[in-house]
Protein backbone atom coordinates (compact mmCIF):
# COMPACT_ATOMS: atom_id res chain seq x y z
CA MET A 1 -6.56 -29.40 -21.12
CA LYS A 2 -3.28 -27.50 -20.06
CA LYS A 3 -3.07 -24.16 -18.36
CA SER A 4 -1.45 -22.51 -21.37
CA GLU A 5 -4.36 -23.90 -23.65
CA ILE A 6 -6.85 -22.18 -21.36
CA GLU A 7 -5.07 -18.89 -21.42
CA LEU A 8 -4.99 -18.98 -25.25
CA ASN A 9 -8.58 -20.03 -25.28
CA ARG A 10 -9.54 -16.82 -23.15
CA TYR A 11 -7.23 -14.59 -25.31
CA GLN A 12 -8.82 -16.00 -28.44
CA GLU A 13 -12.26 -15.70 -27.09
CA LEU A 14 -11.68 -12.13 -26.33
CA LEU A 15 -10.12 -11.37 -29.84
CA GLN A 16 -13.02 -12.99 -31.63
CA MET A 17 -15.35 -11.04 -29.32
CA VAL A 18 -13.78 -7.80 -30.46
CA LYS A 19 -13.79 -8.83 -33.98
CA SER A 20 -17.33 -9.42 -34.08
CA PHE A 21 -18.19 -5.95 -32.89
CA GLU A 22 -16.45 -4.60 -35.85
CA THR A 23 -19.55 -3.91 -37.92
CA ASN A 24 -21.21 -1.97 -35.06
CA PHE A 25 -18.11 0.23 -34.90
CA ILE A 26 -17.97 0.95 -38.46
CA ASN A 27 -21.99 1.65 -38.87
CA PHE A 28 -21.73 3.84 -35.70
CA TYR A 29 -18.66 6.01 -36.19
CA LYS A 30 -18.40 6.06 -40.08
CA LYS A 31 -21.99 6.08 -40.99
CA GLY A 32 -23.66 7.76 -37.82
CA ASN A 33 -26.11 4.72 -37.38
CA LYS A 34 -27.64 5.24 -33.95
CA SER A 35 -28.94 1.77 -33.72
CA ALA A 36 -25.39 0.54 -34.26
CA GLY A 37 -24.42 2.82 -31.41
CA VAL A 38 -26.97 1.16 -28.99
CA LYS A 39 -25.42 -2.33 -30.24
CA LEU A 40 -21.96 -1.19 -29.71
CA ARG A 41 -22.56 -0.10 -26.05
CA LYS A 42 -24.16 -3.64 -25.24
CA ASN A 43 -21.14 -5.09 -26.91
CA MET A 44 -18.77 -2.96 -24.79
CA GLN A 45 -20.88 -4.01 -21.80
CA THR A 46 -20.27 -7.77 -22.85
CA ILE A 47 -16.52 -7.16 -22.98
CA ARG A 48 -16.66 -5.66 -19.50
CA ALA A 49 -18.40 -8.62 -18.14
CA TYR A 50 -15.94 -10.88 -19.59
CA ALA A 51 -12.79 -9.10 -18.47
CA LYS A 52 -14.40 -9.00 -14.92
CA SER A 53 -14.60 -12.61 -15.20
CA ILE A 54 -11.12 -13.20 -16.29
CA ARG A 55 -9.79 -10.87 -13.79
CA PHE A 56 -11.52 -12.90 -10.93
CA GLU A 57 -10.17 -16.34 -12.43
CA VAL A 58 -6.59 -14.66 -12.52
CA GLN A 59 -7.23 -13.67 -8.79
CA ASP A 60 -8.32 -17.15 -7.79
CA ILE A 61 -5.45 -18.87 -9.56
CA ARG A 62 -2.90 -16.58 -7.84
CA LYS A 63 -4.49 -17.13 -4.32
CA ASN A 64 -4.44 -20.91 -4.92
CA LYS A 65 -1.10 -21.20 -6.54
CA VAL A 66 1.26 -23.43 -4.34
CA GLY A 67 4.53 -21.72 -3.57
CA ILE A 68 3.61 -18.35 -3.62
CA LYS A 69 6.69 -16.20 -2.24
CA THR A 70 5.66 -13.88 1.06
CA LYS A 71 7.39 -10.86 2.27
CA LYS A 72 10.20 -11.84 5.01
CA LYS A 73 9.90 -9.96 8.25
CA ASN A 74 12.72 -7.79 9.05
CA LYS A 75 14.06 -8.79 12.44
CA GLY A 76 13.81 -6.12 15.11
CA GLN A 77 10.90 -4.59 13.56
CA ILE A 78 7.56 -4.49 15.42
CA SER A 79 4.36 -5.21 13.53
CA ILE A 80 0.94 -4.41 14.78
CA PHE A 81 -0.50 -7.27 12.62
CA GLN A 82 1.49 -10.12 14.35
């Protein structure tokens, strides 16, 4: 599987996840159904966990990517981190 396919899969999963929560949104906000509100809160927690896993994945990809450009040191400046 190509990198671009993985990216699209993550995006499609996120869209599908949000779409699946639609009934709970409607039932809670338009109909005032309290149990739908509880389900909606759980749904939001699921999205939060999914977003967190994507953030860590992006961070790992950026760390391990070959050819990352680093800042060039200016000559003549003293750095305490040498």
